N, C-alpha and C. Protein backbone atom coordinates (compact mmCIF):
# COMPACT_ATOMS: atom_id res chain seq x y z
N MET A 1 6.36 -14.77 20.11
CA MET A 1 7.07 -14.50 18.87
C MET A 1 8.34 -13.74 19.22
N SER A 2 9.42 -14.10 18.57
CA SER A 2 10.69 -13.46 18.89
C SER A 2 10.74 -12.03 18.34
N ILE A 3 11.62 -11.24 18.91
CA ILE A 3 11.79 -9.85 18.47
C ILE A 3 12.23 -9.80 17.01
N LYS A 4 13.13 -10.70 16.62
CA LYS A 4 13.62 -10.72 15.23
C LYS A 4 12.47 -10.99 14.25
N ILE A 5 11.62 -11.95 14.58
CA ILE A 5 10.49 -12.27 13.69
C ILE A 5 9.52 -11.09 13.64
N THR A 6 9.24 -10.48 14.78
CA THR A 6 8.36 -9.32 14.82
C THR A 6 8.92 -8.18 13.98
N GLU A 7 10.21 -7.91 14.10
CA GLU A 7 10.83 -6.85 13.30
C GLU A 7 10.75 -7.16 11.81
N GLN A 8 10.92 -8.42 11.43
CA GLN A 8 10.84 -8.81 10.02
C GLN A 8 9.41 -8.62 9.49
N ILE A 9 8.43 -9.01 10.28
CA ILE A 9 7.03 -8.85 9.88
C ILE A 9 6.70 -7.36 9.73
N LEU A 10 7.15 -6.54 10.67
CA LEU A 10 6.91 -5.10 10.58
C LEU A 10 7.59 -4.49 9.36
N ARG A 11 8.82 -4.91 9.09
CA ARG A 11 9.53 -4.40 7.91
C ARG A 11 8.77 -4.77 6.63
N ASN A 12 8.35 -6.02 6.54
CA ASN A 12 7.59 -6.46 5.35
C ASN A 12 6.28 -5.69 5.22
N PHE A 13 5.61 -5.47 6.32
CA PHE A 13 4.35 -4.73 6.32
C PHE A 13 4.57 -3.28 5.87
N LEU A 14 5.54 -2.64 6.47
CA LEU A 14 5.78 -1.22 6.20
C LEU A 14 6.30 -0.94 4.79
N THR A 15 7.02 -1.88 4.22
CA THR A 15 7.61 -1.65 2.91
C THR A 15 6.78 -2.22 1.76
N SER A 16 5.67 -2.86 2.07
CA SER A 16 4.80 -3.42 1.04
C SER A 16 4.02 -2.31 0.35
N SER A 17 3.86 -2.43 -0.95
CA SER A 17 3.07 -1.44 -1.69
C SER A 17 1.59 -1.81 -1.73
N THR A 18 1.23 -2.91 -1.10
CA THR A 18 -0.17 -3.33 -1.01
C THR A 18 -0.76 -2.80 0.29
N PRO A 19 -1.87 -2.04 0.22
CA PRO A 19 -2.50 -1.57 1.46
C PRO A 19 -2.93 -2.76 2.33
N GLN A 20 -2.62 -2.69 3.61
CA GLN A 20 -2.91 -3.79 4.53
C GLN A 20 -3.30 -3.25 5.89
N VAL A 21 -3.70 -4.16 6.76
CA VAL A 21 -3.99 -3.85 8.16
C VAL A 21 -3.15 -4.79 9.01
N LEU A 22 -2.61 -4.26 10.10
CA LEU A 22 -1.78 -5.05 11.00
C LEU A 22 -2.23 -4.78 12.42
N ALA A 23 -2.37 -5.83 13.22
CA ALA A 23 -2.70 -5.68 14.63
C ALA A 23 -1.56 -6.25 15.47
N LEU A 24 -1.03 -5.44 16.35
CA LEU A 24 -0.02 -5.90 17.30
C LEU A 24 -0.73 -6.22 18.60
N THR A 25 -0.57 -7.42 19.10
CA THR A 25 -1.23 -7.82 20.34
C THR A 25 -0.20 -8.25 21.37
N GLY A 26 -0.57 -8.17 22.62
CA GLY A 26 0.31 -8.60 23.70
C GLY A 26 -0.13 -7.98 25.00
N ASP A 27 0.46 -8.46 26.06
CA ASP A 27 0.12 -7.95 27.39
C ASP A 27 0.52 -6.49 27.53
N TRP A 28 -0.09 -5.84 28.51
CA TRP A 28 0.20 -4.46 28.83
C TRP A 28 1.68 -4.32 29.18
N GLY A 29 2.32 -3.31 28.61
CA GLY A 29 3.70 -3.01 28.97
C GLY A 29 4.75 -3.84 28.27
N THR A 30 4.37 -4.56 27.20
CA THR A 30 5.35 -5.41 26.52
C THR A 30 6.09 -4.69 25.41
N GLY A 31 5.77 -3.42 25.15
CA GLY A 31 6.52 -2.65 24.17
C GLY A 31 5.94 -2.60 22.78
N LYS A 32 4.66 -2.85 22.64
CA LYS A 32 4.03 -2.83 21.32
C LYS A 32 4.14 -1.46 20.66
N THR A 33 3.79 -0.42 21.38
CA THR A 33 3.84 0.94 20.81
C THR A 33 5.27 1.33 20.51
N HIS A 34 6.17 1.05 21.41
CA HIS A 34 7.60 1.36 21.20
C HIS A 34 8.12 0.63 19.96
N THR A 35 7.80 -0.64 19.83
CA THR A 35 8.25 -1.44 18.69
C THR A 35 7.71 -0.88 17.39
N TRP A 36 6.43 -0.49 17.38
CA TRP A 36 5.82 0.08 16.18
C TRP A 36 6.54 1.37 15.77
N HIS A 37 6.68 2.29 16.70
CA HIS A 37 7.31 3.57 16.39
C HIS A 37 8.77 3.39 15.95
N ALA A 38 9.48 2.45 16.56
CA ALA A 38 10.86 2.18 16.17
C ALA A 38 10.92 1.62 14.75
N ALA A 39 9.98 0.75 14.40
CA ALA A 39 9.96 0.17 13.04
C ALA A 39 9.64 1.24 12.01
N VAL A 40 8.68 2.11 12.30
CA VAL A 40 8.33 3.19 11.36
C VAL A 40 9.55 4.08 11.15
N GLU A 41 10.24 4.43 12.22
CA GLU A 41 11.41 5.29 12.11
C GLU A 41 12.54 4.59 11.32
N ALA A 42 12.74 3.30 11.58
CA ALA A 42 13.82 2.56 10.92
C ALA A 42 13.59 2.40 9.43
N HIS A 43 12.33 2.35 9.01
CA HIS A 43 12.02 2.08 7.60
C HIS A 43 11.31 3.24 6.92
N GLU A 44 11.38 4.42 7.51
CA GLU A 44 10.59 5.54 7.01
C GLU A 44 10.90 5.90 5.56
N ASP A 45 12.13 5.69 5.12
CA ASP A 45 12.47 6.01 3.73
C ASP A 45 11.95 4.97 2.74
N ALA A 46 11.57 3.78 3.23
CA ALA A 46 11.11 2.71 2.34
C ALA A 46 9.60 2.53 2.37
N ILE A 47 8.90 3.32 3.16
CA ILE A 47 7.43 3.20 3.23
C ILE A 47 6.85 3.81 1.97
N PRO A 48 6.11 3.00 1.18
CA PRO A 48 5.62 3.49 -0.11
C PRO A 48 4.42 4.43 -0.03
N PHE A 49 3.84 4.60 1.13
CA PHE A 49 2.66 5.45 1.26
C PHE A 49 3.03 6.75 1.96
N GLU A 50 2.40 7.82 1.55
CA GLU A 50 2.66 9.12 2.14
C GLU A 50 2.02 9.24 3.53
N ASN A 51 0.89 8.58 3.73
CA ASN A 51 0.16 8.64 5.00
C ASN A 51 -0.22 7.24 5.46
N TYR A 52 -0.34 7.09 6.77
CA TYR A 52 -0.86 5.85 7.33
C TYR A 52 -1.62 6.21 8.60
N SER A 53 -2.40 5.26 9.10
CA SER A 53 -3.16 5.48 10.33
C SER A 53 -2.68 4.51 11.40
N TYR A 54 -2.64 5.01 12.62
CA TYR A 54 -2.27 4.21 13.78
C TYR A 54 -3.37 4.43 14.82
N VAL A 55 -3.95 3.34 15.29
CA VAL A 55 -5.01 3.46 16.29
C VAL A 55 -4.64 2.59 17.49
N SER A 56 -4.56 3.21 18.65
CA SER A 56 -4.31 2.47 19.88
C SER A 56 -5.65 2.06 20.48
N LEU A 57 -5.70 0.87 21.02
CA LEU A 57 -6.93 0.40 21.66
C LEU A 57 -6.99 0.78 23.13
N PHE A 58 -5.98 1.48 23.63
CA PHE A 58 -5.97 1.90 25.03
C PHE A 58 -7.18 2.80 25.29
N GLY A 59 -7.98 2.44 26.24
CA GLY A 59 -9.15 3.23 26.60
C GLY A 59 -10.38 2.95 25.74
N ILE A 60 -10.25 2.07 24.76
CA ILE A 60 -11.38 1.74 23.90
C ILE A 60 -12.20 0.67 24.61
N SER A 61 -13.49 0.94 24.78
CA SER A 61 -14.32 -0.02 25.51
C SER A 61 -15.49 -0.55 24.70
N SER A 62 -15.61 -0.12 23.45
CA SER A 62 -16.72 -0.62 22.62
C SER A 62 -16.33 -0.52 21.15
N ILE A 63 -17.08 -1.23 20.34
CA ILE A 63 -16.88 -1.17 18.89
C ILE A 63 -17.13 0.25 18.40
N SER A 64 -18.10 0.92 18.98
CA SER A 64 -18.40 2.29 18.60
C SER A 64 -17.19 3.20 18.85
N ASP A 65 -16.55 3.03 20.02
CA ASP A 65 -15.34 3.81 20.34
C ASP A 65 -14.23 3.52 19.33
N LEU A 66 -14.08 2.25 18.96
CA LEU A 66 -13.05 1.87 18.00
C LEU A 66 -13.33 2.51 16.64
N ARG A 67 -14.56 2.45 16.19
CA ARG A 67 -14.90 3.06 14.90
C ARG A 67 -14.62 4.56 14.92
N THR A 68 -14.95 5.20 16.01
CA THR A 68 -14.69 6.64 16.12
C THR A 68 -13.20 6.91 16.07
N SER A 69 -12.40 6.11 16.78
CA SER A 69 -10.95 6.29 16.77
C SER A 69 -10.37 6.10 15.38
N ILE A 70 -10.87 5.12 14.65
CA ILE A 70 -10.38 4.87 13.29
C ILE A 70 -10.71 6.04 12.39
N LEU A 71 -11.91 6.56 12.50
CA LEU A 71 -12.33 7.66 11.64
C LEU A 71 -11.60 8.96 11.96
N LEU A 72 -11.27 9.15 13.23
CA LEU A 72 -10.56 10.37 13.62
C LEU A 72 -9.14 10.32 13.12
């Protein structure tokens, strides 16, 4: 997926007033975390929610670990 399309999807996701879930996937070191943080910063004034959650799967080795990370 091109960077422009990814940025458009992130903008639409971040500025939507409908609660949603988004998963960014890709190989290690492709810039997923950087892209996410850059999109949040670029659209921070247009995000309709006061709070959001971000969960990295780095180091997660089980569904139990993932559930714990989401709850924390």
